[in-house]
Amino acid sequence: MSNDMELAELNEPQAPEANTPRSGRELEAVYDIPVTLSAVLGKTTMQVSQLLKLGRGAVVELDRKLGEAIDIYVNNRLVARGEVVMVDDNRLGVTMTEIVKTDRAQS
Protein backbone atom coordinates (compact mmCIF):
# COMPACT_ATOMS: atom_id res chain seq x y z
CA MET A 1 0.00 0.00 0.00
CA SER A 2 1.38 3.41 -0.93
CA ASN A 3 2.26 5.98 1.72
CA ASP A 4 1.48 8.78 -0.71
CA MET A 5 -1.87 10.56 -0.83
CA GLU A 6 -2.91 12.66 -3.79
CA LEU A 7 -4.08 16.20 -3.00
CA ALA A 8 -7.60 15.38 -4.24
CA GLU A 9 -7.88 12.69 -1.56
CA LEU A 10 -7.48 15.30 1.16
CA ASN A 11 -10.98 16.61 0.44
CA GLU A 12 -12.58 13.21 0.86
CA PRO A 13 -14.47 12.76 4.14
CA GLN A 14 -12.65 10.57 6.62
CA ALA A 15 -13.85 8.83 9.76
CA PRO A 16 -13.20 11.01 12.83
CA GLU A 17 -10.49 9.76 15.17
CA ALA A 18 -10.87 9.82 18.93
CA ASN A 19 -8.34 12.64 19.44
CA THR A 20 -9.32 14.74 16.41
CA PRO A 21 -10.54 18.26 17.31
CA ARG A 22 -14.18 18.80 16.34
CA SER A 23 -13.81 22.43 15.30
CA GLY A 24 -11.23 24.81 13.87
CA ARG A 25 -11.60 26.87 17.04
CA GLU A 26 -9.87 24.12 19.04
CA LEU A 27 -6.85 24.44 16.73
CA GLU A 28 -6.44 28.20 17.17
CA ALA A 29 -3.86 27.65 19.92
CA VAL A 30 -1.40 26.18 17.43
CA TYR A 31 -1.90 28.64 14.55
CA ASP A 32 0.93 30.96 15.69
CA ILE A 33 3.53 28.26 16.34
CA PRO A 34 6.40 28.77 13.88
CA VAL A 35 7.55 25.81 11.79
CA THR A 36 10.49 25.40 9.44
CA LEU A 37 9.64 24.39 5.88
CA SER A 38 12.44 23.05 3.67
CA ALA A 39 12.34 22.06 0.01
CA VAL A 40 15.12 19.60 -0.82
CA LEU A 41 16.16 19.51 -4.46
CA GLY A 42 18.35 16.47 -3.92
CA LYS A 43 21.21 15.05 -1.90
CA THR A 44 24.73 13.79 -2.41
CA THR A 45 27.55 12.37 -0.34
CA MET A 46 31.16 13.40 -0.70
CA GLN A 47 34.39 13.33 1.23
CA VAL A 48 35.61 16.46 3.00
CA SER A 49 38.58 16.58 0.61
CA GLN A 50 36.18 16.77 -2.35
CA LEU A 51 34.12 19.44 -0.61
CA LEU A 52 37.21 21.58 -0.01
CA LYS A 53 38.09 21.44 -3.72
CA LEU A 54 34.75 22.99 -4.72
CA GLY A 55 34.91 26.57 -5.91
CA ARG A 56 32.82 29.11 -7.72
CA GLY A 57 31.14 27.52 -10.73
CA ALA A 58 31.58 23.94 -9.45
CA VAL A 59 28.69 21.61 -10.21
CA VAL A 60 27.58 19.17 -7.54
CA GLU A 61 25.57 16.27 -8.93
CA LEU A 62 22.48 15.41 -6.89
CA ASP A 63 20.53 12.16 -6.63
CA ARG A 64 17.51 13.55 -8.51
CA LYS A 65 16.71 13.73 -12.19
CA LEU A 66 15.55 16.89 -13.91
CA GLY A 67 11.77 17.21 -13.49
CA GLU A 68 11.62 14.71 -10.63
CA ALA A 69 9.56 15.78 -7.60
CA ILE A 70 11.38 17.44 -4.73
CA ASP A 71 10.86 16.59 -1.06
CA ILE A 72 9.11 19.08 1.22
CA TYR A 73 9.87 18.84 4.93
CA VAL A 74 8.20 20.58 7.88
CA ASN A 75 10.37 20.54 11.00
CA ASN A 76 12.58 17.85 9.42
CA ARG A 77 9.61 15.56 8.73
CA LEU A 78 8.78 14.64 5.13
CA VAL A 79 5.22 15.86 4.53
CA ALA A 80 4.89 16.35 0.77
CA ARG A 81 6.48 16.27 -2.66
CA GLY A 82 6.30 19.03 -5.20
CA GLU A 83 7.74 21.03 -8.06
CA VAL A 84 9.84 24.17 -8.15
CA VAL A 85 8.02 27.15 -9.67
CA MET A 86 8.97 30.76 -10.40
CA VAL A 87 7.03 33.22 -8.22
CA ASP A 88 8.48 36.51 -9.49
CA ASP A 89 11.27 37.24 -11.91
CA ASN A 90 13.80 36.48 -9.18
CA ARG A 91 11.99 34.32 -6.57
CA LEU A 92 11.39 30.58 -6.42
CA GLY A 93 8.51 28.74 -4.81
CA VAL A 94 7.23 25.21 -4.45
CA THR A 95 3.94 23.75 -5.63
CA MET A 96 2.84 20.73 -3.60
CA THR A 97 1.80 17.91 -5.89
CA GLU A 98 1.26 15.17 -3.31
CA ILE A 99 0.98 14.81 0.44
CA VAL A 100 3.08 12.07 2.03
CA LYS A 101 1.09 10.09 4.56
CA THR A 102 3.33 8.81 7.33
CA ASP A 103 2.63 6.36 10.10
CA ARG A 104 3.05 8.18 13.43
CA ALA A 105 4.40 4.94 14.97
CA GLN A 106 7.50 5.25 12.75
CA SER A 107 8.68 8.50 14.42
PDB file of N, CA and C in Angstrom:
ATOM      1  N   MET A   1       0.840  -1.186   0.000  1.00  0.00           N
ATOM      2  CA  MET A   1       0.000   0.000   0.000  1.00  0.00           C
ATOM      3  C   MET A   1       0.882   1.245   0.000  1.00  0.00           C
ATOM      4  N   SER A   2       0.572   2.202  -0.786  1.00  0.00           N
ATOM      5  CA  SER A   2       1.385   3.405  -0.933  1.00  0.00           C
ATOM      6  C   SER A   2       1.214   4.323   0.262  1.00  0.00           C
ATOM      7  N   ASN A   3       2.318   5.002   0.650  1.00  0.00           N
ATOM      8  CA  ASN A   3       2.264   5.982   1.723  1.00  0.00           C
ATOM      9  C   ASN A   3       1.914   7.352   1.195  1.00  0.00           C
ATOM     10  N   ASP A   4       1.736   7.483  -0.108  1.00  0.00           N
ATOM     11  CA  ASP A   4       1.479   8.781  -0.712  1.00  0.00           C
ATOM     12  C   ASP A   4      -0.018   8.984  -0.903  1.00  0.00           C
ATOM     13  N   MET A   5      -0.460  10.235  -0.689  1.00  0.00           N
ATOM     14  CA  MET A   5      -1.867  10.564  -0.835  1.00  0.00           C
ATOM     15  C   MET A   5      -1.955  11.732  -1.801  1.00  0.00           C
ATOM     16  N   GLU A   6      -2.738  11.575  -2.837  1.00  0.00           N
ATOM     17  CA  GLU A   6      -2.905  12.656  -3.789  1.00  0.00           C
ATOM     18  C   GLU A   6      -3.661  13.800  -3.127  1.00  0.00           C
ATOM     19  N   LEU A   7      -3.437  15.029  -3.586  1.00  0.00           N
ATOM     20  CA  LEU A   7      -4.084  16.196  -3.003  1.00  0.00           C
ATOM     21  C   LEU A   7      -5.602  16.092  -3.059  1.00  0.00           C
ATOM     22  N   ALA A   8      -6.156  15.505  -4.107  1.00  0.00           N
ATOM     23  CA  ALA A   8      -7.603  15.380  -4.240  1.00  0.00           C
ATOM     24  C   ALA A   8      -8.186  14.525  -3.115  1.00  0.00           C
ATOM     25  N   GLU A   9      -7.398  13.561  -2.619  1.00  0.00           N
ATOM     26  CA  GLU A   9      -7.879  12.689  -1.562  1.00  0.00           C
ATOM     27  C   GLU A   9      -8.046  13.418  -0.240  1.00  0.00           C
ATOM     28  N   LEU A  10      -7.377  14.559  -0.082  1.00  0.00           N
ATOM     29  CA  LEU A  10      -7.477  15.304   1.162  1.00  0.00           C
ATOM     30  C   LEU A  10      -8.883  15.843   1.391  1.00  0.00           C
ATOM     31  N   ASN A  11      -9.635  16.067   0.328  1.00  0.00           N
ATOM     32  CA  ASN A  11     -10.979  16.612   0.444  1.00  0.00           C
ATOM     33  C   ASN A  11     -12.035  15.550   0.715  1.00  0.00           C
ATOM     34  N   GLU A  12     -11.632  14.271   0.617  1.00  0.00           N
ATOM     35  CA  GLU A  12     -12.579  13.208   0.858  1.00  0.00           C
ATOM     36  C   GLU A  12     -12.880  13.111   2.352  1.00  0.00           C
ATOM     37  N   PRO A  13     -14.137  12.887   2.727  1.00  0.00           N
ATOM     38  CA  PRO A  13     -14.467  12.756   4.145  1.00  0.00           C
ATOM     39  C   PRO A  13     -13.792  11.531   4.733  1.00  0.00           C
ATOM     40  N   GLN A  14     -13.300  11.677   5.949  1.00  0.00           N
ATOM     41  CA  GLN A  14     -12.648  10.572   6.625  1.00  0.00           C
ATOM     42  C   GLN A  14     -13.319  10.367   7.966  1.00  0.00           C
ATOM     43  N   ALA A  15     -13.256   9.133   8.464  1.00  0.00           N
ATOM     44  CA  ALA A  15     -13.854   8.831   9.764  1.00  0.00           C
ATOM     45  C   ALA A  15     -13.121   9.606  10.846  1.00  0.00           C
ATOM     46  N   PRO A  16     -13.856  10.250  11.765  1.00  0.00           N
ATOM     47  CA  PRO A  16     -13.196  11.007  12.826  1.00  0.00           C
ATOM     48  C   PRO A  16     -12.452  10.076  13.771  1.00  0.00           C
ATOM     49  N   GLU A  17     -11.266  10.514  14.209  1.00  0.00           N
ATOM     50  CA  GLU A  17     -10.488   9.755  15.167  1.00  0.00           C
ATOM     51  C   GLU A  17     -10.821  10.266  16.555  1.00  0.00           C
ATOM     52  N   ALA A  18     -10.512   9.480  17.564  1.00  0.00           N
ATOM     53  CA  ALA A  18     -10.873   9.823  18.934  1.00  0.00           C
ATOM     54  C   ALA A  18     -10.259  11.139  19.393  1.00  0.00           C
ATOM     55  N   ASN A  19      -9.026  11.435  18.975  1.00  0.00           N
ATOM     56  CA  ASN A  19      -8.343  12.638  19.437  1.00  0.00           C
ATOM     57  C   ASN A  19      -8.402  13.789  18.444  1.00  0.00           C
ATOM     58  N   THR A  20      -9.223  13.694  17.418  1.00  0.00           N
ATOM     59  CA  THR A  20      -9.322  14.738  16.409  1.00  0.00           C
ATOM     60  C   THR A  20     -10.206  15.872  16.922  1.00  0.00           C
ATOM     61  N   PRO A  21      -9.702  17.139  16.879  1.00  0.00           N
ATOM     62  CA  PRO A  21     -10.543  18.260  17.308  1.00  0.00           C
ATOM     63  C   PRO A  21     -11.801  18.336  16.451  1.00  0.00           C
ATOM     64  N   ARG A  22     -12.902  18.746  17.039  1.00  0.00           N
ATOM     65  CA  ARG A  22     -14.179  18.797  16.344  1.00  0.00           C
ATOM     66  C   ARG A  22     -14.400  20.118  15.628  1.00  0.00           C
ATOM     67  N   SER A  23     -13.625  21.148  15.967  1.00  0.00           N
ATOM     68  CA  SER A  23     -13.811  22.432  15.298  1.00  0.00           C
ATOM     69  C   SER A  23     -12.466  23.118  15.092  1.00  0.00           C
ATOM     70  N   GLY A  24     -12.442  24.041  14.127  1.00  0.00           N
ATOM     71  CA  GLY A  24     -11.229  24.812  13.874  1.00  0.00           C
ATOM     72  C   GLY A  24     -10.861  25.676  15.057  1.00  0.00           C
ATOM     73  N   ARG A  25     -11.841  26.024  15.861  1.00  0.00           N
ATOM     74  CA  ARG A  25     -11.600  26.868  17.037  1.00  0.00           C
ATOM     75  C   ARG A  25     -10.654  26.191  18.025  1.00  0.00           C
ATOM     76  N   GLU A  26     -10.743  24.872  18.129  1.00  0.00           N
ATOM     77  CA  GLU A  26      -9.873  24.123  19.038  1.00  0.00           C
ATOM     78  C   GLU A  26      -8.425  24.125  18.558  1.00  0.00           C
ATOM     79  N   LEU A  27      -8.197  24.404  17.284  1.00  0.00           N
ATOM     80  CA  LEU A  27      -6.846  24.436  16.735  1.00  0.00           C
ATOM     81  C   LEU A  27      -6.207  25.818  16.816  1.00  0.00           C
ATOM     82  N   GLU A  28      -6.966  26.837  17.163  1.00  0.00           N
ATOM     83  CA  GLU A  28      -6.438  28.199  17.172  1.00  0.00           C
ATOM     84  C   GLU A  28      -5.189  28.350  18.023  1.00  0.00           C
ATOM     85  N   ALA A  29      -5.025  27.561  19.040  1.00  0.00           N
ATOM     86  CA  ALA A  29      -3.864  27.654  19.924  1.00  0.00           C
ATOM     87  C   ALA A  29      -2.559  27.333  19.202  1.00  0.00           C
ATOM     88  N   VAL A  30      -2.621  26.568  18.130  1.00  0.00           N
ATOM     89  CA  VAL A  30      -1.395  26.180  17.432  1.00  0.00           C
ATOM     90  C   VAL A  30      -1.133  27.000  16.173  1.00  0.00           C
ATOM     91  N   TYR A  31      -2.051  27.881  15.793  1.00  0.00           N
ATOM     92  CA  TYR A  31      -1.897  28.643  14.555  1.00  0.00           C
ATOM     93  C   TYR A  31      -0.651  29.516  14.531  1.00  0.00           C
ATOM     94  N   ASP A  32      -0.210  30.042  15.646  1.00  0.00           N
ATOM     95  CA  ASP A  32       0.927  30.961  15.688  1.00  0.00           C
ATOM     96  C   ASP A  32       2.248  30.286  16.001  1.00  0.00           C
ATOM     97  N   ILE A  33       2.273  28.963  16.079  1.00  0.00           N
ATOM     98  CA  ILE A  33       3.527  28.258  16.345  1.00  0.00           C
ATOM     99  C   ILE A  33       4.344  28.238  15.052  1.00  0.00           C
ATOM    100  N   PRO A  34       5.580  28.766  15.095  1.00  0.00           N
ATOM    101  CA  PRO A  34       6.398  28.767  13.877  1.00  0.00           C
ATOM    102  C   PRO A  34       6.918  27.365  13.550  1.00  0.00           C
ATOM    103  N   VAL A  35       6.977  27.064  12.274  1.00  0.00           N
ATOM    104  CA  VAL A  35       7.554  25.810  11.791  1.00  0.00           C
ATOM    105  C   VAL A  35       8.572  26.140  10.706  1.00  0.00           C
ATOM    106  N   THR A  36       9.490  25.231  10.480  1.00  0.00           N
ATOM    107  CA  THR A  36      10.488  25.396   9.439  1.00  0.00           C
ATOM    108  C   THR A  36      10.125  24.512   8.260  1.00  0.00           C
ATOM    109  N   LEU A  37       9.957  25.115   7.099  1.00  0.00           N
ATOM    110  CA  LEU A  37       9.640  24.386   5.884  1.00  0.00           C
ATOM    111  C   LEU A  37      10.878  24.376   5.001  1.00  0.00           C
ATOM    112  N   SER A  38      11.274  23.192   4.537  1.00  0.00           N
ATOM    113  CA  SER A  38      12.441  23.053   3.668  1.00  0.00           C
ATOM    114  C   SER A  38      12.043  22.296   2.408  1.00  0.00           C
ATOM    115  N   ALA A  39      12.551  22.749   1.280  1.00  0.00           N
ATOM    116  CA  ALA A  39      12.337  22.062   0.014  1.00  0.00           C
ATOM    117  C   ALA A  39      13.695  21.543  -0.448  1.00  0.00           C
ATOM    118  N   VAL A  40      13.836  20.229  -0.511  1.00  0.00           N
ATOM    119  CA  VAL A  40      15.118  19.604  -0.820  1.00  0.00           C
ATOM    120  C   VAL A  40      15.139  19.190  -2.290  1.00  0.00           C
ATOM    121  N   LEU A  41      16.033  19.815  -3.040  1.00  0.00           N
ATOM    122  CA  LEU A  41      16.165  19.507  -4.464  1.00  0.00           C
ATOM    123  C   LEU A  41      16.787  18.141  -4.691  1.00  0.00           C
ATOM    124  N   GLY A  42      17.662  17.741  -3.802  1.00  0.00           N
ATOM    125  CA  GLY A  42      18.353  16.465  -3.917  1.00  0.00           C
ATOM    126  C   GLY A  42      19.467  16.402  -2.906  1.00  0.00           C
ATOM    127  N   LYS A  43      20.128  15.257  -2.865  1.00  0.00           N
ATOM    128  CA  LYS A  43      21.211  15.050  -1.898  1.00  0.00           C
ATOM    129  C   LYS A  43      22.388  14.385  -2.590  1.00  0.00           C
ATOM    130  N   THR A  44      23.545  14.491  -1.953  1.00  0.00           N
ATOM    131  CA  THR A  44      24.726  13.789  -2.412  1.00  0.00           C
ATOM    132  C   THR A  44      25.640  13.557  -1.224  1.00  0.00           C
ATOM    133  N   THR A  45      26.558  12.649  -1.378  1.00  0.00           N
ATOM    134  CA  THR A  45      27.547  12.369  -0.342  1.00  0.00           C
ATOM    135  C   THR A  45      28.919  12.561  -0.962  1.00  0.00           C
ATOM    136  N   MET A  46      29.795  13.221  -0.218  1.00  0.00           N
ATOM    137  CA  MET A  46      31.162  13.400  -0.697  1.00  0.00           C
ATOM    138  C   MET A  46      32.106  13.479   0.477  1.00  0.00           C
ATOM    139  N   GLN A  47      33.366  13.244   0.201  1.00  0.00           N
ATOM    140  CA  GLN A  47      34.394  13.335   1.234  1.00  0.00           C
ATOM    141  C   GLN A  47      34.731  14.802   1.468  1.00  0.00           C
ATOM    142  N   VAL A  48      35.236  15.093   2.654  1.00  0.00           N
ATOM    143  CA  VAL A  48      35.610  16.464   2.997  1.00  0.00           C
ATOM    144  C   VAL A  48      36.643  16.990   1.998  1.00  0.00           C
ATOM    145  N   SER A  49      37.563  16.138   1.567  1.00  0.00           N
ATOM    146  CA  SER A  49      38.584  16.578   0.612  1.00  0.00           C
ATOM    147  C   SER A  49      37.955  17.041  -0.702  1.00  0.00           C
ATOM    148  N   GLN A  50      36.890  16.359  -1.141  1.00  0.00           N
ATOM    149  CA  GLN A  50      36.178  16.774  -2.350  1.00  0.00           C
ATOM    150  C   GLN A  50      35.452  18.090  -2.116  1.00  0.00           C
ATOM    151  N   LEU A  51      34.841  18.230  -0.953  1.00  0.00           N
ATOM    152  CA  LEU A  51      34.120  19.444  -0.608  1.00  0.00           C
ATOM    153  C   LEU A  51      35.057  20.653  -0.611  1.00  0.00           C
ATOM    154  N   LEU A  52      36.250  20.479  -0.084  1.00  0.00           N
ATOM    155  CA  LEU A  52      37.213  21.581  -0.013  1.00  0.00           C
ATOM    156  C   LEU A  52      37.727  21.996  -1.383  1.00  0.00           C
ATOM    157  N   LYS A  53      37.629  21.118  -2.363  1.00  0.00           N
ATOM    158  CA  LYS A  53      38.088  21.437  -3.716  1.00  0.00           C
ATOM    159  C   LYS A  53      37.043  22.214  -4.520  1.00  0.00           C
ATOM    160  N   LEU A  54      35.809  22.278  -4.001  1.00  0.00           N
ATOM    161  CA  LEU A  54      34.750  22.986  -4.722  1.00  0.00           C
ATOM    162  C   LEU A  54      35.037  24.486  -4.718  1.00  0.00           C
ATOM    163  N   GLY A  55      34.747  25.117  -5.807  1.00  0.00           N
ATOM    164  CA  GLY A  55      34.911  26.565  -5.914  1.00  0.00           C
ATOM    165  C   GLY A  55      33.768  27.146  -6.717  1.00  0.00           C
ATOM    166  N   ARG A  56      33.854  28.432  -6.939  1.00  0.00           N
ATOM    167  CA  ARG A  56      32.820  29.112  -7.717  1.00  0.00           C
ATOM    168  C   ARG A  56      32.663  28.438  -9.076  1.00  0.00           C
ATOM    169  N   GLY A  57      31.423  28.147  -9.445  1.00  0.00           N
ATOM    170  CA  GLY A  57      31.141  27.515 -10.734  1.00  0.00           C
ATOM    171  C   GLY A  57      31.171  26.000 -10.691  1.00  0.00           C
ATOM    172  N   ALA A  58      31.549  25.409  -9.554  1.00  0.00           N
ATOM    173  CA  ALA A  58      31.579  23.945  -9.449  1.00  0.00           C
ATOM    174  C   ALA A  58      30.148  23.411  -9.508  1.00  0.00           C
ATOM    175  N   VAL A  59      29.991  22.259 -10.105  1.00  0.00           N
ATOM    176  CA  VAL A  59      28.693  21.610 -10.208  1.00  0.00           C
ATOM    177  C   VAL A  59      28.700  20.394  -9.291  1.00  0.00           C
ATOM    178  N   VAL A  60      27.720  20.309  -8.427  1.00  0.00           N
ATOM    179  CA  VAL A  60      27.578  19.166  -7.536  1.00  0.00           C
ATOM    180  C   VAL A  60      26.381  18.358  -8.028  1.00  0.00           C
ATOM    181  N   GLU A  61      26.630  17.125  -8.414  1.00  0.00           N
ATOM    182  CA  GLU A  61      25.569  16.269  -8.932  1.00  0.00           C
ATOM    183  C   GLU A  61      24.723  15.743  -7.778  1.00  0.00           C
ATOM    184  N   LEU A  62      23.406  15.864  -7.916  1.00  0.00           N
ATOM    185  CA  LEU A  62      22.479  15.408  -6.892  1.00  0.00           C
ATOM    186  C   LEU A  62      21.841  14.090  -7.301  1.00  0.00           C
ATOM    187  N   ASP A  63      21.128  13.476  -6.377  1.00  0.00           N
ATOM    188  CA  ASP A  63      20.528  12.162  -6.625  1.00  0.00           C
ATOM    189  C   ASP A  63      19.168  12.226  -7.317  1.00  0.00           C
ATOM    190  N   ARG A  64      18.796  13.384  -7.842  1.00  0.00           N
ATOM    191  CA  ARG A  64      17.508  13.545  -8.514  1.00  0.00           C
ATOM    192  C   ARG A  64      17.707  13.823  -9.993  1.00  0.00           C
ATOM    193  N   LYS A  65      16.701  13.429 -10.766  1.00  0.00           N
ATOM    194  CA  LYS A  65      16.706  13.730 -12.193  1.00  0.00           C
ATOM    195  C   LYS A  65      15.943  15.021 -12.432  1.00  0.00           C
ATOM    196  N   LEU A  66      16.242  15.676 -13.525  1.00  0.00           N
ATOM    197  CA  LEU A  66      15.545  16.894 -13.906  1.00  0.00           C
ATOM    198  C   LEU A  66      14.059  16.590 -14.054  1.00  0.00           C
ATOM    199  N   GLY A  67      13.214  17.397 -13.423  1.00  0.00           N
ATOM    200  CA  GLY A  67      11.773  17.206 -13.492  1.00  0.00           C
ATOM    201  C   GLY A  67      11.212  16.278 -12.439  1.00  0.00           C
ATOM    202  N   GLU A  68      12.080  15.599 -11.692  1.00  0.00           N
ATOM    203  CA  GLU A  68      11.616  14.707 -10.631  1.00  0.00           C
ATOM    204  C   GLU A  68      11.131  15.540  -9.441  1.00  0.00           C
ATOM    205  N   ALA A  69      10.122  15.046  -8.742  1.00  0.00           N
ATOM    206  CA  ALA A  69       9.557  15.777  -7.603  1.00  0.00           C
ATOM    207  C   ALA A  69      10.610  16.003  -6.519  1.00  0.00           C
ATOM    208  N   ILE A  70      10.491  17.152  -5.842  1.00  0.00           N
ATOM    209  CA  ILE A  70      11.381  17.443  -4.731  1.00  0.00           C
ATOM    210  C   ILE A  70      10.666  17.107  -3.427  1.00  0.00           C
ATOM    211  N   ASP A  71      11.435  16.908  -2.363  1.00  0.00           N
ATOM    212  CA  ASP A  71      10.865  16.593  -1.056  1.00  0.00           C
ATOM    213  C   ASP A  71      10.614  17.871  -0.269  1.00  0.00           C
ATOM    214  N   ILE A  72       9.474  17.932   0.404  1.00  0.00           N
ATOM    215  CA  ILE A  72       9.114  19.081   1.225  1.00  0.00           C
ATOM    216  C   ILE A  72       9.015  18.603   2.670  1.00  0.00           C
ATOM    217  N   TYR A  73       9.815  19.215   3.528  1.00  0.00           N
ATOM    218  CA  TYR A  73       9.872  18.843   4.933  1.00  0.00           C
ATOM    219  C   TYR A  73       9.310  19.974   5.788  1.00  0.00           C
ATOM    220  N   VAL A  74       8.607  19.621   6.855  1.00  0.00           N
ATOM    221  CA  VAL A  74       8.198  20.575   7.880  1.00  0.00           C
ATOM    222  C   VAL A  74       8.810  20.074   9.185  1.00  0.00           C
ATOM    223  N   ASN A  75       9.650  20.925   9.775  1.00  0.00           N
ATOM    224  CA  ASN A  75      10.371  20.544  10.996  1.00  0.00           C
ATOM    225  C   ASN A  75      11.072  19.199  10.836  1.00  0.00           C
ATOM    226  N   ASN A  76      11.794  19.040   9.729  1.00  0.00           N
ATOM    227  CA  ASN A  76      12.576  17.845   9.421  1.00  0.00           C
ATOM    228  C   ASN A  76      11.750  16.582   9.237  1.00  0.00           C
ATOM    229  N   ARG A  77      10.458  16.708   9.002  1.00  0.00           N
ATOM    230  CA  ARG A  77       9.610  15.559   8.729  1.00  0.00           C
ATOM    231  C   ARG A  77       9.077  15.687   7.310  1.00  0.00           C
ATOM    232  N   LEU A  78       9.285  14.641   6.506  1.00  0.00           N
ATOM    233  CA  LEU A  78       8.781  14.641   5.129  1.00  0.00           C
ATOM    234  C   LEU A  78       7.264  14.682   5.149  1.00  0.00           C
ATOM    235  N   VAL A  79       6.677  15.721   4.524  1.00  0.00           N
ATOM    236  CA  VAL A  79       5.222  15.857   4.527  1.00  0.00           C
ATOM    237  C   VAL A  79       4.627  15.891   3.126  1.00  0.00           C
ATOM    238  N   ALA A  80       5.442  16.211   2.120  1.00  0.00           N
ATOM    239  CA  ALA A  80       4.886  16.348   0.771  1.00  0.00           C
ATOM    240  C   ALA A  80       5.985  16.259  -0.273  1.00  0.00           C
ATOM    241  N   ARG A  81       5.573  16.170  -1.515  1.00  0.00           N
ATOM    242  CA  ARG A  81       6.482  16.269  -2.657  1.00  0.00           C
ATOM    243  C   ARG A  81       5.917  17.345  -3.560  1.00  0.00           C
ATOM    244  N   GLY A  82       6.783  17.954  -4.353  1.00  0.00           N
ATOM    245  CA  GLY A  82       6.300  19.025  -5.197  1.00  0.00           C
ATOM    246  C   GLY A  82       7.248  19.385  -6.305  1.00  0.00           C
ATOM    247  N   GLU A  83       6.950  20.528  -6.929  1.00  0.00           N
ATOM    248  CA  GLU A  83       7.741  21.027  -8.057  1.00  0.00           C
ATOM    249  C   GLU A  83       8.168  22.454  -7.776  1.00  0.00           C
ATOM    250  N   VAL A  84       9.338  22.808  -8.280  1.00  0.00           N
ATOM    251  CA  VAL A  84       9.840  24.171  -8.150  1.00  0.00           C
ATOM    252  C   VAL A  84       9.139  25.037  -9.194  1.00  0.00           C
ATOM    253  N   VAL A  85       8.677  26.218  -8.763  1.00  0.00           N
ATOM    254  CA  VAL A  85       8.017  27.153  -9.667  1.00  0.00           C
ATOM    255  C   VAL A  85       8.637  28.531  -9.486  1.00  0.00           C
ATOM    256  N   MET A  86       8.496  29.386 -10.502  1.00  0.00           N
ATOM    257  CA  MET A  86       8.971  30.760 -10.402  1.00  0.00           C
ATOM    258  C   MET A  86       7.825  31.626  -9.901  1.00  0.00           C
ATOM    259  N   VAL A  87       8.062  32.376  -8.808  1.00  0.00           N
ATOM    260  CA  VAL A  87       7.032  33.222  -8.219  1.00  0.00           C
ATOM    261  C   VAL A  87       7.088  34.608  -8.842  1.00  0.00           C
ATOM    262  N   ASP A  88       8.235  35.223  -8.847  1.00  0.00           N
ATOM    263  CA  ASP A  88       8.481  36.512  -9.488  1.00  0.00           C
ATOM    264  C   ASP A  88       9.617  36.292 -10.484  1.00  0.00           C
ATOM    265  N   ASP A  89      10.139  37.372 -10.995  1.00  0.00           N
ATOM    266  CA  ASP A  89      11.274  37.242 -11.910  1.00  0.00           C
ATOM    267  C   ASP A  89      12.526  36.731 -11.197  1.00  0.00           C
ATOM    268  N   ASN A  90      12.584  36.884  -9.881  1.00  0.00           N
ATOM    269  CA  ASN A  90      13.804  36.482  -9.176  1.00  0.00           C
ATOM    270  C   ASN A  90      13.526  35.677  -7.910  1.00  0.00           C
ATOM    271  N   ARG A  91      12.336  35.094  -7.768  1.00  0.00           N
ATOM    272  CA  ARG A  91      11.990  34.321  -6.573  1.00  0.00           C
ATOM    273  C   ARG A  91      11.497  32.940  -6.985  1.00  0.00           C
ATOM    274  N   LEU A  92      11.849  31.944  -6.182  1.00  0.00           N
ATOM    275  CA  LEU A  92      11.388  30.585  -6.417  1.00  0.00           C
ATOM    276  C   LEU A  92      10.352  30.208  -5.378  1.00  0.00           C
ATOM    277  N   GLY A  93       9.495  29.280  -5.722  1.00  0.00           N
ATOM    278  CA  GLY A  93       8.512  28.742  -4.807  1.00  0.00           C
ATOM    279  C   GLY A  93       8.358  27.262  -5.059  1.00  0.00           C
ATOM    280  N   VAL A  94       7.469  26.641  -4.313  1.00  0.00           N
ATOM    281  CA  VAL A  94       7.233  25.212  -4.448  1.00  0.00           C
ATOM    282  C   VAL A  94       5.735  24.969  -4.542  1.00  0.00           C
ATOM    283  N   THR A  95       5.321  24.188  -5.514  1.00  0.00           N
ATOM    284  CA  THR A  95       3.938  23.753  -5.634  1.00  0.00           C
ATOM    285  C   THR A  95       3.862  22.321  -5.117  1.00  0.00           C
ATOM    286  N   MET A  96       2.997  22.090  -4.121  1.00  0.00           N
ATOM    287  CA  MET A  96       2.842  20.730  -3.598  1.00  0.00           C
ATOM    288  C   MET A  96       1.999  19.921  -4.564  1.00  0.00           C
ATOM    289  N   THR A  97       2.514  18.773  -4.960  1.00  0.00           N
ATOM    290  CA  THR A  97       1.796  17.908  -5.886  1.00  0.00           C
ATOM    291  C   THR A  97       1.233  16.670  -5.206  1.00  0.00           C
ATOM    292  N   GLU A  98       1.792  16.297  -4.063  1.00  0.00           N
ATOM    293  CA  GLU A  98       1.258  15.167  -3.306  1.00  0.00           C
ATOM    294  C   GLU A  98       1.637  15.301  -1.838  1.00  0.00           C
ATOM    295  N   ILE A  99       0.748  14.827  -0.987  1.00  0.00           N
ATOM    296  CA  ILE A  99       0.975  14.807   0.443  1.00  0.00           C
ATOM    297  C   ILE A  99       1.481  13.414   0.795  1.00  0.00           C
ATOM    298  N   VAL A 100       2.521  13.350   1.616  1.00  0.00           N
ATOM    299  CA  VAL A 100       3.076  12.068   2.026  1.00  0.00           C
ATOM    300  C   VAL A 100       2.444  11.684   3.351  1.00  0.00           C
ATOM    301  N   LYS A 101       1.743  10.577   3.345  1.00  0.00           N
ATOM    302  CA  LYS A 101       1.090  10.087   4.560  1.00  0.00           C
ATOM    303  C   LYS A 101       2.094   9.217   5.297  1.00  0.00           C
ATOM    304  N   THR A 102       2.376   9.586   6.548  1.00  0.00           N
ATOM    305  CA  THR A 102       3.328   8.814   7.331  1.00  0.00           C
ATOM    306  C   THR A 102       2.632   8.180   8.515  1.00  0.00           C
ATOM    307  N   ASP A 103       3.147   7.057   8.927  1.00  0.00           N
ATOM    308  CA  ASP A 103       2.631   6.361  10.095  1.00  0.00           C
ATOM    309  C   ASP A 103       3.290   6.965  11.322  1.00  0.00           C
ATOM    310  N   ARG A 104       2.513   7.527  12.238  1.00  0.00           N
ATOM    311  CA  ARG A 104       3.052   8.182  13.429  1.00  0.00           C
ATOM    312  C   ARG A 104       3.887   7.230  14.269  1.00  0.00           C
ATOM    313  N   ALA A 105       3.641   5.921  14.178  1.00  0.00           N
ATOM    314  CA  ALA A 105       4.399   4.944  14.970  1.00  0.00           C
ATOM    315  C   ALA A 105       5.845   4.860  14.516  1.00  0.00           C
ATOM    316  N   GLN A 106       6.139   5.311  13.274  1.00  0.00           N
ATOM    317  CA  GLN A 106       7.502   5.253  12.753  1.00  0.00           C
ATOM    318  C   GLN A 106       8.391   6.309  13.363  1.00  0.00           C
ATOM    319  N   SER A 107       7.858   7.407  13.932  1.00  0.00           N
ATOM    320  CA  SER A 107       8.679   8.503  14.422  1.00  0.00           C
ATOM    321  C   SER A 107       9.384   8.172  15.690  1.00  0.00           C
TER     322      SER A 107
END
